[in-house]
Structure formats: C-alpha cells, structure tokens
C-alpha atoms as a PDB file:
ATOM      1  CA  MET A   1     -17.382  10.405  40.476  1.00  0.00           C
ATOM      2  CA  ARG A   2     -20.272   8.829  38.610  1.00  0.00           C
ATOM      3  CA  ARG A   3     -18.994  10.323  35.391  1.00  0.00           C
ATOM      4  CA  VAL A   4     -15.526   8.886  35.986  1.00  0.00           C
ATOM      5  CA  ASN A   5     -16.977   5.409  36.618  1.00  0.00           C
ATOM      6  CA  LYS A   6     -19.057   5.596  33.435  1.00  0.00           C
ATOM      7  CA  ASP A   7     -15.968   6.579  31.462  1.00  0.00           C
ATOM      8  CA  LYS A   8     -14.067   3.623  32.878  1.00  0.00           C
ATOM      9  CA  VAL A   9     -16.884   1.235  31.995  1.00  0.00           C
ATOM     10  CA  PHE A  10     -17.027   2.680  28.482  1.00  0.00           C
ATOM     11  CA  ASP A  11     -13.259   2.263  28.070  1.00  0.00           C
ATOM     12  CA  VAL A  12     -13.440  -1.353  29.247  1.00  0.00           C
ATOM     13  CA  VAL A  13     -16.296  -2.174  26.856  1.00  0.00           C
ATOM     14  CA  ILE A  14     -14.483  -0.571  23.914  1.00  0.00           C
ATOM     15  CA  ALA A  15     -11.266  -2.399  24.820  1.00  0.00           C
ATOM     16  CA  CYS A  16     -13.131  -5.729  24.936  1.00  0.00           C
ATOM     17  CA  ILE A  17     -14.825  -5.117  21.581  1.00  0.00           C
ATOM     18  CA  MET A  18     -11.548  -4.124  19.927  1.00  0.00           C
ATOM     19  CA  GLY A  19      -9.841  -7.133  21.507  1.00  0.00           C
ATOM     20  CA  VAL A  20     -12.435  -9.467  19.976  1.00  0.00           C
ATOM     21  CA  VAL A  21     -12.102  -7.774  16.567  1.00  0.00           C
ATOM     22  CA  ALA A  22      -8.306  -8.035  16.756  1.00  0.00           C
ATOM     23  CA  ILE A  23      -8.532 -11.746  17.561  1.00  0.00           C
ATOM     24  CA  LEU A  24     -10.905 -12.329  14.636  1.00  0.00           C
ATOM     25  CA  PHE A  25      -8.383 -10.701  12.305  1.00  0.00           C
ATOM     26  CA  LEU A  26      -5.415 -12.436  13.905  1.00  0.00           C
ATOM     27  CA  LEU A  27      -6.709 -16.023  13.821  1.00  0.00           C
ATOM     28  CA  PRO A  28      -6.626 -16.443  10.004  1.00  0.00           C
ATOM     29  CA  LEU A  29      -3.114 -14.991   9.892  1.00  0.00           C
ATOM     30  CA  LEU A  30      -1.923 -17.410  12.564  1.00  0.00           C
ATOM     31  CA  ASN A  31      -3.538 -20.303  10.704  1.00  0.00           C
ATOM     32  CA  VAL A  32      -1.793 -19.363   7.446  1.00  0.00           C
ATOM     33  CA  LEU A  33       1.526 -19.013   9.294  1.00  0.00           C
ATOM     34  CA  ALA A  34       1.064 -22.380  11.010  1.00  0.00           C
ATOM     35  CA  CYS A  35       0.182 -24.092   7.722  1.00  0.00           C
ATOM     36  CA  SER A  36       3.299 -22.686   6.078  1.00  0.00           C
ATOM     37  CA  PHE A  37       5.491 -24.356   8.714  1.00  0.00           C
ATOM     38  CA  SER A  38       3.550 -27.638   8.900  1.00  0.00           C
ATOM     39  CA  SER A  39       3.933 -30.941   7.116  1.00  0.00           C
ATOM     40  CA  PRO A  40       2.212 -30.844   3.689  1.00  0.00           C
ATOM     41  CA  ASP A  41       0.269 -34.020   4.531  1.00  0.00           C
ATOM     42  CA  LYS A  42      -1.092 -32.448   7.724  1.00  0.00           C
ATOM     43  CA  VAL A  43      -2.071 -29.286   5.849  1.00  0.00           C
ATOM     44  CA  VAL A  44      -4.052 -31.199   3.219  1.00  0.00           C
ATOM     45  CA  ALA A  45      -5.663 -33.339   5.928  1.00  0.00           C
ATOM     46  CA  GLY A  46      -6.909 -30.185   7.661  1.00  0.00           C
ATOM     47  CA  GLU A  47      -5.184 -31.015  10.928  1.00  0.00           C
ATOM     48  CA  VAL A  48      -3.410 -27.672  11.304  1.00  0.00           C
ATOM     49  CA  GLY A  49      -4.915 -25.029  13.548  1.00  0.00           C
ATOM     50  CA  LEU A  50      -2.959 -22.194  15.110  1.00  0.00           C
ATOM     51  CA  ILE A  51       0.159 -24.257  15.858  1.00  0.00           C
ATOM     52  CA  PRO A  52       2.322 -26.004  13.219  1.00  0.00           C
ATOM     53  CA  VAL A  53       1.826 -29.776  13.032  1.00  0.00           C
ATOM     54  CA  GLY A  54       4.789 -31.807  11.825  1.00  0.00           C
ATOM     55  CA  PHE A  55       7.159 -28.841  11.575  1.00  0.00           C
ATOM     56  CA  SER A  56       8.628 -28.534   8.076  1.00  0.00           C
ATOM     57  CA  LEU A  57      10.604 -25.943   6.129  1.00  0.00           C
ATOM     58  CA  GLU A  58      10.248 -27.773   2.828  1.00  0.00           C
ATOM     59  CA  GLY A  59       7.818 -25.221   1.447  1.00  0.00           C
ATOM     60  CA  TYR A  60      10.124 -22.298   2.161  1.00  0.00           C
ATOM     61  CA  LYS A  61      13.072 -24.142   0.613  1.00  0.00           C
ATOM     62  CA  MET A  62      11.048 -24.730  -2.550  1.00  0.00           C
ATOM     63  CA  VAL A  63       9.858 -21.108  -2.722  1.00  0.00           C
ATOM     64  CA  PHE A  64      13.280 -19.530  -2.284  1.00  0.00           C
ATOM     65  CA  ALA A  65      14.739 -21.952  -4.792  1.00  0.00           C
ATOM     66  CA  ASN A  66      12.213 -20.866  -7.441  1.00  0.00           C
ATOM     67  CA  ASP A  67      13.649 -18.334  -9.862  1.00  0.00           C
ATOM     68  CA  SER A  68      10.309 -16.836 -10.935  1.00  0.00           C
ATOM     69  CA  LEU A  69       9.276 -16.029  -7.377  1.00  0.00           C
ATOM     70  CA  ILE A  70      12.644 -14.500  -6.552  1.00  0.00           C
ATOM     71  CA  THR A  71      12.521 -12.423  -9.742  1.00  0.00           C
ATOM     72  CA  GLY A  72       8.967 -11.342  -8.949  1.00  0.00           C
ATOM     73  CA  PHE A  73       9.971 -10.391  -5.412  1.00  0.00           C
ATOM     74  CA  LEU A  74      12.866  -8.239  -6.648  1.00  0.00           C
ATOM     75  CA  ASN A  75      10.670  -6.677  -9.337  1.00  0.00           C
ATOM     76  CA  SER A  76       8.051  -5.766  -6.744  1.00  0.00           C
ATOM     77  CA  LEU A  77      10.716  -4.134  -4.585  1.00  0.00           C
ATOM     78  CA  LEU A  78      11.872  -2.066  -7.568  1.00  0.00           C
ATOM     79  CA  TYR A  79       8.353  -1.067  -8.652  1.00  0.00           C
ATOM     80  CA  THR A  80       7.366  -0.214  -5.088  1.00  0.00           C
ATOM     81  CA  PHE A  81      10.421   1.958  -4.463  1.00  0.00           C
ATOM     82  CA  ILE A  82      10.260   3.909  -7.737  1.00  0.00           C
ATOM     83  CA  GLY A  83       6.466   4.170  -7.681  1.00  0.00           C
ATOM     84  CA  THR A  84       6.364   5.388  -4.084  1.00  0.00           C
ATOM     85  CA  VAL A  85       8.925   8.126  -4.740  1.00  0.00           C
ATOM     86  CA  ILE A  86       7.071   9.323  -7.844  1.00  0.00           C
ATOM     87  CA  GLN A  87       3.596   9.082  -6.328  1.00  0.00           C
ATOM     88  CA  VAL A  88       4.348  10.884  -3.079  1.00  0.00           C
ATOM     89  CA  SER A  89       6.378  13.584  -4.836  1.00  0.00           C
ATOM     90  CA  LEU A  90       3.667  14.360  -7.391  1.00  0.00           C
ATOM     91  CA  GLN A  91       0.890  14.360  -4.795  1.00  0.00           C
ATOM     92  CA  MET A  92       2.789  16.695  -2.456  1.00  0.00           C
ATOM     93  CA  LEU A  93       3.604  19.081  -5.319  1.00  0.00           C
ATOM     94  CA  CYS A  94      -0.039  19.093  -6.423  1.00  0.00           C
ATOM     95  CA  ALA A  95      -1.506  19.496  -2.932  1.00  0.00           C
ATOM     96  CA  TYR A  96       0.700  22.411  -1.870  1.00  0.00           C
ATOM     97  CA  PRO A  97      -0.640  25.064  -4.264  1.00  0.00           C
ATOM     98  CA  LEU A  98      -4.194  23.855  -3.689  1.00  0.00           C
ATOM     99  CA  SER A  99      -3.705  24.474   0.049  1.00  0.00           C
ATOM    100  CA  ARG A 100      -2.628  28.082  -0.507  1.00  0.00           C
ATOM    101  CA  PRO A 101      -5.462  30.581   0.095  1.00  0.00           C
ATOM    102  CA  ASP A 102      -3.934  33.023  -2.421  1.00  0.00           C
ATOM    103  CA  PHE A 103      -3.714  30.517  -5.270  1.00  0.00           C
ATOM    104  CA  LYS A 104      -6.013  31.756  -8.057  1.00  0.00           C
ATOM    105  CA  GLY A 105      -8.144  29.200  -9.828  1.00  0.00           C
ATOM    106  CA  LYS A 106      -7.852  26.544  -7.120  1.00  0.00           C
ATOM    107  CA  LYS A 107     -11.636  26.112  -6.950  1.00  0.00           C
ATOM    108  CA  ILE A 108     -11.778  25.206 -10.626  1.00  0.00           C
ATOM    109  CA  LEU A 109      -8.845  22.810 -10.232  1.00  0.00           C
ATOM    110  CA  ASN A 110     -10.467  21.223  -7.167  1.00  0.00           C
ATOM    111  CA  ILE A 111     -13.656  20.609  -9.152  1.00  0.00           C
ATOM    112  CA  PHE A 112     -11.690  19.204 -12.084  1.00  0.00           C
ATOM    113  CA  LEU A 113      -9.701  16.847  -9.847  1.00  0.00           C
ATOM    114  CA  THR A 114     -12.806  15.737  -7.964  1.00  0.00           C
ATOM    115  CA  LEU A 115     -14.601  14.867 -11.207  1.00  0.00           C
ATOM    116  CA  THR A 116     -11.811  12.456 -12.111  1.00  0.00           C
ATOM    117  CA  MET A 117     -12.710  10.424  -9.021  1.00  0.00           C
ATOM    118  CA  PHE A 118     -16.122   9.665 -10.517  1.00  0.00           C
ATOM    119  CA  ILE A 119     -15.475   9.791 -14.268  1.00  0.00           C
ATOM    120  CA  SER A 120     -12.805   7.736 -15.993  1.00  0.00           C
ATOM    121  CA  GLY A 121     -12.050   6.632 -19.540  1.00  0.00           C
ATOM    122  CA  GLY A 122     -12.412   2.954 -18.724  1.00  0.00           C
ATOM    123  CA  MET A 123     -10.194  -0.054 -19.209  1.00  0.00           C
ATOM    124  CA  ILE A 124     -10.034  -0.149 -23.020  1.00  0.00           C
ATOM    125  CA  PRO A 125      -9.221   3.577 -23.543  1.00  0.00           C
ATOM    126  CA  THR A 126      -6.614   3.309 -20.802  1.00  0.00           C
ATOM    127  CA  TYR A 127      -5.044   0.303 -22.504  1.00  0.00           C
ATOM    128  CA  LEU A 128      -4.985   2.155 -25.829  1.00  0.00           C
ATOM    129  CA  LEU A 129      -3.358   5.140 -24.139  1.00  0.00           C
ATOM    130  CA  ILE A 130      -0.668   2.975 -22.533  1.00  0.00           C
ATOM    131  CA  SER A 131      -0.070   1.315 -25.892  1.00  0.00           C
ATOM    132  CA  SER A 132       0.197   4.634 -27.778  1.00  0.00           C
ATOM    133  CA  LEU A 133       2.763   5.845 -25.242  1.00  0.00           C
ATOM    134  CA  ASN A 134       4.876   2.724 -25.916  1.00  0.00           C
ATOM    135  CA  MET A 135       4.712   1.690 -22.278  1.00  0.00           C
ATOM    136  CA  LEU A 136       3.400  -1.833 -22.878  1.00  0.00           C
ATOM    137  CA  ASP A 137       5.684  -4.497 -21.440  1.00  0.00           C
ATOM    138  CA  THR A 138       7.764  -1.942 -19.528  1.00  0.00           C
ATOM    139  CA  ILE A 139       8.048  -1.123 -15.835  1.00  0.00           C
ATOM    140  CA  TRP A 140       6.323   2.214 -16.483  1.00  0.00           C
ATOM    141  CA  ALA A 141       3.091   0.427 -17.370  1.00  0.00           C
ATOM    142  CA  ILE A 142       2.965  -0.643 -13.721  1.00  0.00           C
ATOM    143  CA  ILE A 143       4.267   2.541 -12.128  1.00  0.00           C
ATOM    144  CA  ILE A 144       2.676   5.408 -14.099  1.00  0.00           C
ATOM    145  CA  PRO A 145      -1.041   4.446 -14.341  1.00  0.00           C
ATOM    146  CA  GLY A 146      -2.693   5.462 -11.108  1.00  0.00           C
ATOM    147  CA  CYS A 147       0.475   6.980  -9.654  1.00  0.00           C
ATOM    148  CA  VAL A 148      -1.547  10.037  -8.549  1.00  0.00           C
ATOM    149  CA  SER A 149      -4.596   9.645  -6.309  1.00  0.00           C
ATOM    150  CA  VAL A 150      -7.006  12.562  -6.070  1.00  0.00           C
ATOM    151  CA  PHE A 151      -8.229  11.303  -2.722  1.00  0.00           C
ATOM    152  CA  ASN A 152      -4.683  11.429  -1.364  1.00  0.00           C
ATOM    153  CA  ILE A 153      -4.212  14.925  -2.780  1.00  0.00           C
ATOM    154  CA  ILE A 154      -7.343  16.093  -0.955  1.00  0.00           C
ATOM    155  CA  VAL A 155      -6.106  14.581   2.309  1.00  0.00           C
ATOM    156  CA  ILE A 156      -2.674  16.207   1.935  1.00  0.00           C
ATOM    157  CA  ARG A 157      -4.217  19.549   0.949  1.00  0.00           C
ATOM    158  CA  THR A 158      -6.458  19.489   4.001  1.00  0.00           C
ATOM    159  CA  TYR A 159      -3.542  18.639   6.269  1.00  0.00           C
ATOM    160  CA  MET A 160      -1.455  21.511   4.919  1.00  0.00           C
ATOM    161  CA  SER A 161      -4.265  24.058   5.144  1.00  0.00           C
ATOM    162  CA  THR A 162      -5.384  23.109   8.664  1.00  0.00           C
ATOM    163  CA  SER A 163      -2.203  21.967  10.412  1.00  0.00           C
ATOM    164  CA  ILE A 164       0.452  24.356   9.089  1.00  0.00           C
ATOM    165  CA  PRO A 165      -0.043  28.032  10.060  1.00  0.00           C
ATOM    166  CA  SER A 166      -0.020  30.348   7.055  1.00  0.00           C
ATOM    167  CA  GLU A 167       2.040  32.812   9.114  1.00  0.00           C
ATOM    168  CA  LEU A 168       5.067  30.534   8.718  1.00  0.00           C
ATOM    169  CA  SER A 169       4.900  30.795   4.937  1.00  0.00           C
ATOM    170  CA  GLU A 170       4.446  34.553   5.157  1.00  0.00           C
ATOM    171  CA  ALA A 171       7.462  34.871   7.464  1.00  0.00           C
ATOM    172  CA  ALA A 172       9.553  32.775   5.078  1.00  0.00           C
ATOM    173  CA  ARG A 173       8.468  34.945   2.153  1.00  0.00           C
ATOM    174  CA  ILE A 174       9.471  38.095   4.056  1.00  0.00           C
ATOM    175  CA  ASP A 175      12.901  36.503   4.570  1.00  0.00           C
ATOM    176  CA  GLY A 176      13.211  36.207   0.802  1.00  0.00           C
ATOM    177  CA  CYS A 177      12.201  32.589   0.186  1.00  0.00           C
ATOM    178  CA  SER A 178      10.592  31.653  -3.099  1.00  0.00           C
ATOM    179  CA  ASP A 179       7.531  29.399  -3.315  1.00  0.00           C
ATOM    180  CA  PHE A 180       9.709  26.352  -3.965  1.00  0.00           C
ATOM    181  CA  GLN A 181      11.985  27.200  -1.037  1.00  0.00           C
ATOM    182  CA  ILE A 182       8.946  27.604   1.221  1.00  0.00           C
ATOM    183  CA  PHE A 183       7.726  24.219   0.075  1.00  0.00           C
ATOM    184  CA  LEU A 184      11.074  22.534   0.741  1.00  0.00           C
ATOM    185  CA  ARG A 185      12.117  24.286   3.950  1.00  0.00           C
ATOM    186  CA  VAL A 186       8.799  24.959   5.678  1.00  0.00           C
ATOM    187  CA  ILE A 187       5.990  22.784   4.330  1.00  0.00           C
ATOM    188  CA  LEU A 188       7.777  19.448   3.881  1.00  0.00           C
ATOM    189  CA  PRO A 189       9.399  19.321   7.359  1.00  0.00           C
ATOM    190  CA  LEU A 190       6.037  20.095   8.979  1.00  0.00           C
ATOM    191  CA  SER A 191       4.205  17.574   6.782  1.00  0.00           C
ATOM    192  CA  ARG A 192       6.139  14.546   7.991  1.00  0.00           C
ATOM    193  CA  PRO A 193       3.088  12.710   9.450  1.00  0.00           C
ATOM    194  CA  ILE A 194       1.038  12.968   6.258  1.00  0.00           C
ATOM    195  CA  ILE A 195       4.084  12.097   4.136  1.00  0.00           C
ATOM    196  CA  PHE A 196       4.561   8.864   6.072  1.00  0.00           C
ATOM    197  CA  VAL A 197       0.875   8.054   5.640  1.00  0.00           C
ATOM    198  CA  MET A 198       1.099   8.608   1.881  1.00  0.00           C
ATOM    199  CA  VAL A 199       4.284   6.535   1.706  1.00  0.00           C
ATOM    200  CA  LEU A 200       2.488   3.687   3.462  1.00  0.00           C
ATOM    201  CA  TYR A 201      -0.491   3.962   1.099  1.00  0.00           C
ATOM    202  CA  ALA A 202       1.830   3.919  -1.915  1.00  0.00           C
ATOM    203  CA  ILE A 203       3.862   0.957  -0.668  1.00  0.00           C
ATOM    204  CA  VAL A 204       0.751  -1.133  -0.002  1.00  0.00           C
ATOM    205  CA  GLY A 205      -0.766  -0.164  -3.351  1.00  0.00           C
ATOM    206  CA  TYR A 206       2.272  -0.957  -5.460  1.00  0.00           C
ATOM    207  CA  TRP A 207       3.204  -4.084  -3.537  1.00  0.00           C
ATOM    208  CA  ASN A 208      -0.271  -5.600  -3.888  1.00  0.00           C
ATOM    209  CA  ASN A 209      -0.853  -4.448  -7.470  1.00  0.00           C
ATOM    210  CA  TYR A 210      -1.104  -7.224 -10.015  1.00  0.00           C
ATOM    211  CA  PHE A 211      -3.904  -6.004 -12.308  1.00  0.00           C
ATOM    212  CA  ASN A 212      -1.693  -3.582 -14.254  1.00  0.00           C
ATOM    213  CA  ALA A 213       0.823  -6.367 -14.787  1.00  0.00           C
ATOM    214  CA  LEU A 214      -1.997  -8.634 -15.914  1.00  0.00           C
ATOM    215  CA  LEU A 215      -3.080  -6.099 -18.542  1.00  0.00           C
ATOM    216  CA  TYR A 216       0.165  -4.537 -19.715  1.00  0.00           C
ATOM    217  CA  ILE A 217       3.028  -6.978 -19.071  1.00  0.00           C
ATOM    218  CA  GLN A 218       3.745  -9.989 -21.275  1.00  0.00           C
ATOM    219  CA  SER A 219       7.354 -10.748 -20.324  1.00  0.00           C
ATOM    220  CA  ALA A 220       7.634 -13.080 -17.344  1.00  0.00           C
ATOM    221  CA  ASP A 221      10.912 -11.381 -16.390  1.00  0.00           C
ATOM    222  CA  LEU A 222       8.949  -8.208 -15.599  1.00  0.00           C
ATOM    223  CA  TYR A 223       6.204  -9.849 -13.544  1.00  0.00           C
ATOM    224  CA  PRO A 224       5.811  -8.456 -10.026  1.00  0.00           C
ATOM    225  CA  LEU A 225       5.445 -10.906  -7.166  1.00  0.00           C
ATOM    226  CA  GLN A 226       1.649 -10.688  -7.053  1.00  0.00           C
ATOM    227  CA  ARG A 227       1.433 -11.556 -10.759  1.00  0.00           C
ATOM    228  CA  VAL A 228       3.610 -14.607 -10.204  1.00  0.00           C
ATOM    229  CA  LEU A 229       1.433 -15.658  -7.274  1.00  0.00           C
ATOM    230  CA  GLN A 230      -1.690 -15.121  -9.363  1.00  0.00           C
ATOM    231  CA  ASP A 231      -0.342 -17.511 -11.962  1.00  0.00           C
ATOM    232  CA  MET A 232       0.511 -20.084  -9.348  1.00  0.00           C
ATOM    233  CA  LEU A 233      -2.516 -19.835  -7.065  1.00  0.00           C
ATOM    234  CA  VAL A 234      -5.343 -19.070  -9.495  1.00  0.00           C
ATOM    235  CA  SER A 235      -4.234 -20.384 -12.869  1.00  0.00           C
ATOM    236  CA  ASN A 236      -2.369 -23.337 -11.329  1.00  0.00           C
ATOM    237  CA  SER A 237       0.370 -22.766 -13.890  1.00  0.00           C
ATOM    238  CA  GLY A 238       3.180 -22.888 -11.355  1.00  0.00           C
ATOM    239  CA  SER A 239       5.618 -25.745 -11.570  1.00  0.00           C
ATOM    240  CA  LEU A 240       6.432 -25.726  -7.863  1.00  0.00           C
ATOM    241  CA  GLY A 241       6.141 -28.776  -5.738  1.00  0.00           C
ATOM    242  CA  GLY A 242       7.563 -31.292  -8.216  1.00  0.00           C
ATOM    243  CA  GLY A 243       4.097 -32.614  -9.009  1.00  0.00           C
ATOM    244  CA  ASP A 244       3.315 -33.344  -5.350  1.00  0.00           C
ATOM    245  CA  PRO A 245      -0.249 -32.012  -4.786  1.00  0.00           C
ATOM    246  CA  ASN A 246       0.236 -31.913  -1.020  1.00  0.00           C
ATOM    247  CA  LEU A 247       3.366 -29.803  -1.301  1.00  0.00           C
ATOM    248  CA  GLN A 248       1.696 -27.528  -3.857  1.00  0.00           C
ATOM    249  CA  GLU A 249      -1.125 -26.912  -1.386  1.00  0.00           C
ATOM    250  CA  GLN A 250       1.317 -25.975   1.356  1.00  0.00           C
ATOM    251  CA  LEU A 251       3.216 -23.706  -1.011  1.00  0.00           C
ATOM    252  CA  LYS A 252       0.110 -21.556  -1.322  1.00  0.00           C
ATOM    253  CA  TYR A 253       0.373 -20.711   2.367  1.00  0.00           C
ATOM    254  CA  VAL A 254       4.117 -20.189   2.127  1.00  0.00           C
ATOM    255  CA  THR A 255       3.794 -17.715  -0.740  1.00  0.00           C
ATOM    256  CA  ILE A 256       1.097 -15.794   1.133  1.00  0.00           C
ATOM    257  CA  VAL A 257       3.465 -15.407   4.091  1.00  0.00           C
ATOM    258  CA  VAL A 258       6.380 -14.390   1.864  1.00  0.00           C
ATOM    259  CA  SER A 259       4.322 -11.785  -0.010  1.00  0.00           C
ATOM    260  CA  SER A 260       2.769 -10.319   3.156  1.00  0.00           C
ATOM    261  CA  LEU A 261       5.892 -10.276   5.322  1.00  0.00           C
ATOM    262  CA  PRO A 262       7.435  -7.024   3.975  1.00  0.00           C
ATOM    263  CA  LEU A 263       4.252  -5.051   4.711  1.00  0.00           C
ATOM    264  CA  LEU A 264       3.971  -6.541   8.195  1.00  0.00           C
ATOM    265  CA  VAL A 265       7.593  -5.612   8.874  1.00  0.00           C
ATOM    266  CA  ILE A 266       7.404  -1.976   7.767  1.00  0.00           C
ATOM    267  CA  TYR A 267       3.993  -1.117   9.236  1.00  0.00           C
ATOM    268  CA  PRO A 268       5.195  -0.676  12.862  1.00  0.00           C
ATOM    269  CA  PHE A 269       7.624   2.011  11.691  1.00  0.00           C
ATOM    270  CA  PHE A 270       4.746   4.032  10.189  1.00  0.00           C
ATOM    271  CA  GLN A 271       2.131   3.373  12.856  1.00  0.00           C
ATOM    272  CA  LYS A 272       2.949   6.361  15.075  1.00  0.00           C
ATOM    273  CA  TYR A 273       2.464   8.722  12.120  1.00  0.00           C
ATOM    274  CA  PHE A 274      -0.530   6.961  10.619  1.00  0.00           C
ATOM    275  CA  GLU A 275      -3.270   8.060  13.034  1.00  0.00           C
ATOM    276  CA  LYS A 276      -2.065  11.640  13.317  1.00  0.00           C
ATOM    277  CA  GLY A 277      -1.660  12.088   9.579  1.00  0.00           C
ATOM    278  CA  VAL A 278      -5.049  10.616   8.644  1.00  0.00           C
ATOM    279  CA  VAL A 279      -6.981  12.442  11.387  1.00  0.00           C
ATOM    280  CA  MET A 280      -5.374  15.811  10.691  1.00  0.00           C
ATOM    281  CA  GLY A 281      -5.782  15.333   6.954  1.00  0.00           C
ATOM    282  CA  GLY A 282      -9.451  14.465   7.226  1.00  0.00           C
ATOM    283  CA  VAL A 283     -10.633  17.253   9.521  1.00  0.00           C
ATOM    284  CA  LYS A 284     -12.428  19.097   6.745  1.00  0.00           C
ATOM    285  CA  GLY A 285     -12.496  19.039   2.948  1.00  0.00           C
END
C-alpha cells in the first residue's frame, strides 16, 4: 500500500513538472500567434500578451499576396517531399544489411560510417564538390547534401536487429524469397514505427533548412521558404509592409506562424509512432 502511494505521489510530481515545462514552451508560441493576429500598432507598442489586441488580418493578407513567400513555400514543399523520399529510402536500404548478423564486413562498414560523424571535409571542400558536380543553383544542391544521416542509420539498424525476429527472415528465405523480397515484404511492414520517425526527422530537417540554399542557390525563384524569411527577417531586404515599420514588425510574427504551421499540423499524425520508434531504435548500439 505504501509503495502504491509513493508511486502515485511520484506520478503527480512528474505530471506537475512536465506541465510547467509544457507551459514554458507554449507561452512564446501563444505570444507569437497573438501578435500575428493583432493590430501592428499594438504589436510595436508591446501591448500584446497571449490574446490578440486589436484583431487584424492585415499581416496575413500581405504575406499571402507576396509572390516570393508563396514561391518559397511551394519550393519548400517540393524539396521536403523529394528529399524525404530519397533520405528515408537510402537510410532504410543502408540499415537493413547492417542489421543482418550474416552480413560479412559489417563491422568495417560500421566503423567507416561512424567516423564520418566526427570527420568531415568542411564547408569549402563541400562547396567545391557541389560545384564540380554541377549542382550549384539547382534543387539537388538542397536535397542531396546531407540526405543520409549516419545517426539515423544506426537507429534504424538497431531497431531492425532488436525488434524484428531473425526467424521471420529465415522463414521467408525458406519460402524462396530473395534478400530484396525479404526487405520489401517482411522488414518494411514491421519497420513502420521507425519509418514514421525517420520521415518526421526528414520533414523537419528539409523544411527548416536554409543554410544549403544560402551557400548554393543564387536564383530567387529556387529559394525555399526559410531562405526567403532569412532575407526578410535578418537582412531586412524584404519589401513587405509598404514601408510601414509597424506592419513590417507584425509581418515577422505572421511569417513565423506560416512557416511553422505545416510542422505543427503533421506532428500529431506521427506522434503515436514517434516514442515507440525512437525507444526501440535506441535500445542498444
């Protein structure tokens, strides 16, 4: 009985701590959302808290009427979709053989892959490589560099080796399946949780990526949304707001909401897989 009471107290304390942490994370988001729907004058005056003051949609009208932001939004959707498909496919194909106990040379490959996490060519050699491959000012300069994460491969490999019984692969091989058929018909269906986790990682990475565009993209028509926002928010080169400094200040909050909304919308669909996939993939290296 005493043990049960202690467990209940522990659960209550943990729930309170997590509630406070959640509120601390939620308050800035609510403030940004409130500022985006408030009057520009009230935003500049610092009168907006968690509730919009002087409700206004002027900022959203200006944003959605801006061609560069719309183009950047569509570009980001394209880069995120193509990049996610390529990244998850390559990582799954790489992790599967490394999870097989009968794969010869996997220790050497594991060491080689792990070294790449700590040793890299650097920014200038990478730029020269992208240039020599004629990928400068193309969508591939955003998608290809960094499309494979060794950390993700390790997580997927661990999930496959610890969560999928090897007897299933052996049974499929006895039935006449090739390695590729085993991968498609046995491994992939059972790897759904970790696939969803990797898809979420890829979506967040590509959607928030602006550094590759900053280095490799010169054409404004190819800018992703984050690159457009970087120009507007950091370099102050945006022409939004018609010269009104108050409206330009509010537009910063509006663009933050617009750029973050897709991730906030899709996350609930991945949440039920996220914990299971990460925990099972991180049991042991």
